Amino acid sequence: MSEEGDTVRRRRKCEACDRRFTTYERIELFFPAVVKKNGSRVDYDRNKVKDSMRLALRKRPVSAEAIDEAIARIEEKLLSHGEKEIGSDRVGELVMRELKRLDKIGYIRFASVYRSFEDLAEFRDVLDEVSATSVRK
């Protein structure tokens, strides 16, 4: 089993020629389809989630490993959801929750785009929310 737990490595022997070889078997996970705001459905795309998180965390002190761990938690929640479809808004909220854990600035960056802030007041609300949670800790 690989470190990620999704691949099994096996050594085998060909019965015809007696040569040994290695096979890799990957566990196939079925994520729910993502229903976009316009009603269209797309396959879940790990790279899209990763790219959006990396963009929000650009030039921030967050390791690639921490981002991968956050994505693994998001995917675990998606799989445990048990449904065949999930709204893109729910995926966005899961990403925001993980970004908030990782880096407040990255969270604010993502939230400003994801929530399509129209004015400064909406931006200030998120800043106040982050400030309030930082003070409580």
C-alpha atoms as a PDB file:
ATOM      1  CA  MET A   1       0.000   0.000   0.000  1.00  0.00           C
ATOM      2  CA  SER A   2       1.321   3.459  -0.865  1.00  0.00           C
ATOM      3  CA  GLU A   3       1.746   6.231   1.721  1.00  0.00           C
ATOM      4  CA  GLU A   4      -1.410   7.898   0.409  1.00  0.00           C
ATOM      5  CA  GLY A   5      -3.288   4.615   0.847  1.00  0.00           C
ATOM      6  CA  ASP A   6      -4.750   4.621  -2.645  1.00  0.00           C
ATOM      7  CA  THR A   7      -2.305   2.346  -4.511  1.00  0.00           C
ATOM      8  CA  VAL A   8      -1.298  -1.265  -3.973  1.00  0.00           C
ATOM      9  CA  ARG A   9       2.034  -2.472  -5.379  1.00  0.00           C
ATOM     10  CA  ARG A  10       2.268  -6.174  -6.208  1.00  0.00           C
ATOM     11  CA  ARG A  11       5.138  -8.327  -7.430  1.00  0.00           C
ATOM     12  CA  ARG A  12       3.937 -11.029  -9.806  1.00  0.00           C
ATOM     13  CA  LYS A  13       5.352 -13.852 -11.855  1.00  0.00           C
ATOM     14  CA  CYS A  14       4.365 -14.637 -15.418  1.00  0.00           C
ATOM     15  CA  GLU A  15       3.312 -18.284 -15.647  1.00  0.00           C
ATOM     16  CA  ALA A  16       4.280 -18.475 -19.320  1.00  0.00           C
ATOM     17  CA  CYS A  17       7.867 -17.132 -19.143  1.00  0.00           C
ATOM     18  CA  ASP A  18       8.654 -17.194 -15.398  1.00  0.00           C
ATOM     19  CA  ARG A  19       9.663 -13.491 -15.396  1.00  0.00           C
ATOM     20  CA  ARG A  20       8.786 -11.300 -12.436  1.00  0.00           C
ATOM     21  CA  PHE A  21       7.087  -7.914 -12.825  1.00  0.00           C
ATOM     22  CA  THR A  22       5.393  -5.243 -10.752  1.00  0.00           C
ATOM     23  CA  THR A  23       1.810  -4.082 -11.017  1.00  0.00           C
ATOM     24  CA  TYR A  24       0.219  -1.068  -9.388  1.00  0.00           C
ATOM     25  CA  GLU A  25      -3.455  -1.138  -8.523  1.00  0.00           C
ATOM     26  CA  ARG A  26      -5.182   2.127  -7.756  1.00  0.00           C
ATOM     27  CA  ILE A  27      -8.358   2.431  -5.734  1.00  0.00           C
ATOM     28  CA  GLU A  28     -11.008   4.141  -7.814  1.00  0.00           C
ATOM     29  CA  LEU A  29     -13.043   6.635  -5.831  1.00  0.00           C
ATOM     30  CA  PHE A  30     -16.273   8.075  -7.155  1.00  0.00           C
ATOM     31  CA  PHE A  31     -16.779  11.649  -6.138  1.00  0.00           C
ATOM     32  CA  PRO A  32     -20.179  13.263  -6.478  1.00  0.00           C
ATOM     33  CA  ALA A  33     -20.816  15.324  -9.595  1.00  0.00           C
ATOM     34  CA  VAL A  34     -20.575  19.053  -8.962  1.00  0.00           C
ATOM     35  CA  VAL A  35     -23.691  21.029  -9.843  1.00  0.00           C
ATOM     36  CA  LYS A  36     -22.686  24.507 -10.936  1.00  0.00           C
ATOM     37  CA  LYS A  37     -24.722  27.659 -10.331  1.00  0.00           C
ATOM     38  CA  ASN A  38     -26.128  27.514 -13.873  1.00  0.00           C
ATOM     39  CA  GLY A  39     -27.397  23.960 -13.280  1.00  0.00           C
ATOM     40  CA  SER A  40     -24.797  22.178 -15.400  1.00  0.00           C
ATOM     41  CA  ARG A  41     -22.990  19.186 -13.965  1.00  0.00           C
ATOM     42  CA  VAL A  42     -19.258  18.566 -14.081  1.00  0.00           C
ATOM     43  CA  ASP A  43     -17.006  15.896 -12.641  1.00  0.00           C
ATOM     44  CA  TYR A  44     -15.220  16.780  -9.426  1.00  0.00           C
ATOM     45  CA  ASP A  45     -11.743  18.038 -10.315  1.00  0.00           C
ATOM     46  CA  ARG A  46      -9.090  17.842  -7.605  1.00  0.00           C
ATOM     47  CA  ASN A  47      -6.745  20.009  -9.653  1.00  0.00           C
ATOM     48  CA  LYS A  48      -9.314  22.796  -9.866  1.00  0.00           C
ATOM     49  CA  VAL A  49      -9.655  22.833  -6.076  1.00  0.00           C
ATOM     50  CA  LYS A  50      -5.883  22.693  -5.649  1.00  0.00           C
ATOM     51  CA  ASP A  51      -5.275  25.492  -8.162  1.00  0.00           C
ATOM     52  CA  SER A  52      -7.827  27.764  -6.503  1.00  0.00           C
ATOM     53  CA  MET A  53      -6.321  27.129  -3.071  1.00  0.00           C
ATOM     54  CA  ARG A  54      -2.787  27.682  -4.342  1.00  0.00           C
ATOM     55  CA  LEU A  55      -3.839  30.954  -5.955  1.00  0.00           C
ATOM     56  CA  ALA A  56      -5.401  32.182  -2.712  1.00  0.00           C
ATOM     57  CA  LEU A  57      -2.304  31.120  -0.774  1.00  0.00           C
ATOM     58  CA  ARG A  58       0.218  32.492  -3.279  1.00  0.00           C
ATOM     59  CA  LYS A  59       3.246  33.972  -1.493  1.00  0.00           C
ATOM     60  CA  ARG A  60       1.849  32.870   1.867  1.00  0.00           C
ATOM     61  CA  PRO A  61       3.763  30.669   4.346  1.00  0.00           C
ATOM     62  CA  VAL A  62       1.730  27.517   3.680  1.00  0.00           C
ATOM     63  CA  SER A  63       3.435  24.345   2.477  1.00  0.00           C
ATOM     64  CA  ALA A  64       2.298  22.240  -0.454  1.00  0.00           C
ATOM     65  CA  GLU A  65       1.906  19.373   2.024  1.00  0.00           C
ATOM     66  CA  ALA A  66      -0.524  21.417   4.142  1.00  0.00           C
ATOM     67  CA  ILE A  67      -2.560  22.219   1.026  1.00  0.00           C
ATOM     68  CA  ASP A  68      -2.656  18.528   0.060  1.00  0.00           C
ATOM     69  CA  GLU A  69      -3.796  17.597   3.559  1.00  0.00           C
ATOM     70  CA  ALA A  70      -6.555  20.209   3.387  1.00  0.00           C
ATOM     71  CA  ILE A  71      -7.685  18.843   0.013  1.00  0.00           C
ATOM     72  CA  ALA A  72      -7.721  15.331   1.480  1.00  0.00           C
ATOM     73  CA  ARG A  73     -10.064  16.565   4.239  1.00  0.00           C
ATOM     74  CA  ILE A  74     -12.300  18.224   1.650  1.00  0.00           C
ATOM     75  CA  GLU A  75     -12.413  15.039  -0.421  1.00  0.00           C
ATOM     76  CA  GLU A  76     -13.143  12.948   2.661  1.00  0.00           C
ATOM     77  CA  LYS A  77     -16.157  15.155   3.356  1.00  0.00           C
ATOM     78  CA  LEU A  78     -17.283  14.913  -0.269  1.00  0.00           C
ATOM     79  CA  LEU A  79     -17.067  11.117  -0.193  1.00  0.00           C
ATOM     80  CA  SER A  80     -18.779  10.814   3.191  1.00  0.00           C
ATOM     81  CA  HIS A  81     -21.570  13.032   1.852  1.00  0.00           C
ATOM     82  CA  GLY A  82     -22.997   9.888   0.248  1.00  0.00           C
ATOM     83  CA  GLU A  83     -24.796  11.743  -2.534  1.00  0.00           C
ATOM     84  CA  LYS A  84     -24.293  11.490  -6.285  1.00  0.00           C
ATOM     85  CA  GLU A  85     -24.319  15.278  -6.685  1.00  0.00           C
ATOM     86  CA  ILE A  86     -23.146  18.231  -4.634  1.00  0.00           C
ATOM     87  CA  GLY A  87     -23.550  21.934  -5.266  1.00  0.00           C
ATOM     88  CA  SER A  88     -20.520  23.997  -6.233  1.00  0.00           C
ATOM     89  CA  ASP A  89     -21.470  26.340  -3.384  1.00  0.00           C
ATOM     90  CA  ARG A  90     -20.967  23.479  -0.909  1.00  0.00           C
ATOM     91  CA  VAL A  91     -17.531  22.696  -2.399  1.00  0.00           C
ATOM     92  CA  GLY A  92     -16.650  26.389  -2.130  1.00  0.00           C
ATOM     93  CA  GLU A  93     -17.708  26.468   1.522  1.00  0.00           C
ATOM     94  CA  LEU A  94     -15.539  23.406   2.256  1.00  0.00           C
ATOM     95  CA  VAL A  95     -12.574  25.121   0.584  1.00  0.00           C
ATOM     96  CA  MET A  96     -13.196  28.304   2.572  1.00  0.00           C
ATOM     97  CA  ARG A  97     -13.328  26.347   5.836  1.00  0.00           C
ATOM     98  CA  GLU A  98      -9.965  24.747   5.102  1.00  0.00           C
ATOM     99  CA  LEU A  99      -8.406  28.033   3.997  1.00  0.00           C
ATOM    100  CA  LYS A 100      -9.596  29.667   7.197  1.00  0.00           C
ATOM    101  CA  ARG A 101      -7.763  26.955   9.137  1.00  0.00           C
ATOM    102  CA  LEU A 102      -4.588  27.302   7.056  1.00  0.00           C
ATOM    103  CA  ASP A 103      -4.184  31.038   6.565  1.00  0.00           C
ATOM    104  CA  LYS A 104      -6.516  33.938   7.276  1.00  0.00           C
ATOM    105  CA  ILE A 105      -5.158  36.061   4.403  1.00  0.00           C
ATOM    106  CA  GLY A 106      -5.647  33.189   1.949  1.00  0.00           C
ATOM    107  CA  TYR A 107      -9.173  32.773   3.284  1.00  0.00           C
ATOM    108  CA  ILE A 108      -9.955  36.469   2.737  1.00  0.00           C
ATOM    109  CA  ARG A 109      -8.507  36.363  -0.788  1.00  0.00           C
ATOM    110  CA  PHE A 110     -10.614  33.333  -1.709  1.00  0.00           C
ATOM    111  CA  ALA A 111     -13.744  34.698  -0.041  1.00  0.00           C
ATOM    112  CA  SER A 112     -13.494  38.002  -1.899  1.00  0.00           C
ATOM    113  CA  VAL A 113     -13.583  36.210  -5.253  1.00  0.00           C
ATOM    114  CA  TYR A 114     -15.874  33.330  -4.287  1.00  0.00           C
ATOM    115  CA  ARG A 115     -18.494  35.553  -2.695  1.00  0.00           C
ATOM    116  CA  SER A 116     -18.137  38.228  -5.416  1.00  0.00           C
ATOM    117  CA  PHE A 117     -17.900  41.188  -3.087  1.00  0.00           C
ATOM    118  CA  GLU A 118     -19.797  44.135  -4.509  1.00  0.00           C
ATOM    119  CA  ASP A 119     -18.642  46.785  -2.086  1.00  0.00           C
ATOM    120  CA  LEU A 120     -16.276  47.531   0.755  1.00  0.00           C
ATOM    121  CA  ALA A 121     -18.883  46.690   3.404  1.00  0.00           C
ATOM    122  CA  GLU A 122     -18.964  43.021   2.377  1.00  0.00           C
ATOM    123  CA  PHE A 123     -15.167  42.904   2.503  1.00  0.00           C
ATOM    124  CA  ARG A 124     -15.209  44.552   5.941  1.00  0.00           C
ATOM    125  CA  ASP A 125     -17.721  41.960   7.210  1.00  0.00           C
ATOM    126  CA  VAL A 126     -15.323  39.133   6.345  1.00  0.00           C
ATOM    127  CA  LEU A 127     -12.411  41.014   7.917  1.00  0.00           C
ATOM    128  CA  ASP A 128     -14.461  41.501  11.094  1.00  0.00           C
ATOM    129  CA  GLU A 129     -15.405  37.808  11.103  1.00  0.00           C
ATOM    130  CA  VAL A 130     -11.754  36.748  10.793  1.00  0.00           C
ATOM    131  CA  SER A 131     -10.655  39.276  13.400  1.00  0.00           C
ATOM    132  CA  ALA A 132     -13.309  38.035  15.832  1.00  0.00           C
ATOM    133  CA  THR A 133     -12.256  34.394  15.458  1.00  0.00           C
ATOM    134  CA  SER A 134      -8.574  35.336  15.854  1.00  0.00           C
ATOM    135  CA  VAL A 135      -9.283  37.222  19.087  1.00  0.00           C
ATOM    136  CA  ARG A 136     -11.284  34.302  20.561  1.00  0.00           C
ATOM    137  CA  LYS A 137      -8.390  31.873  20.124  1.00  0.00           C
END
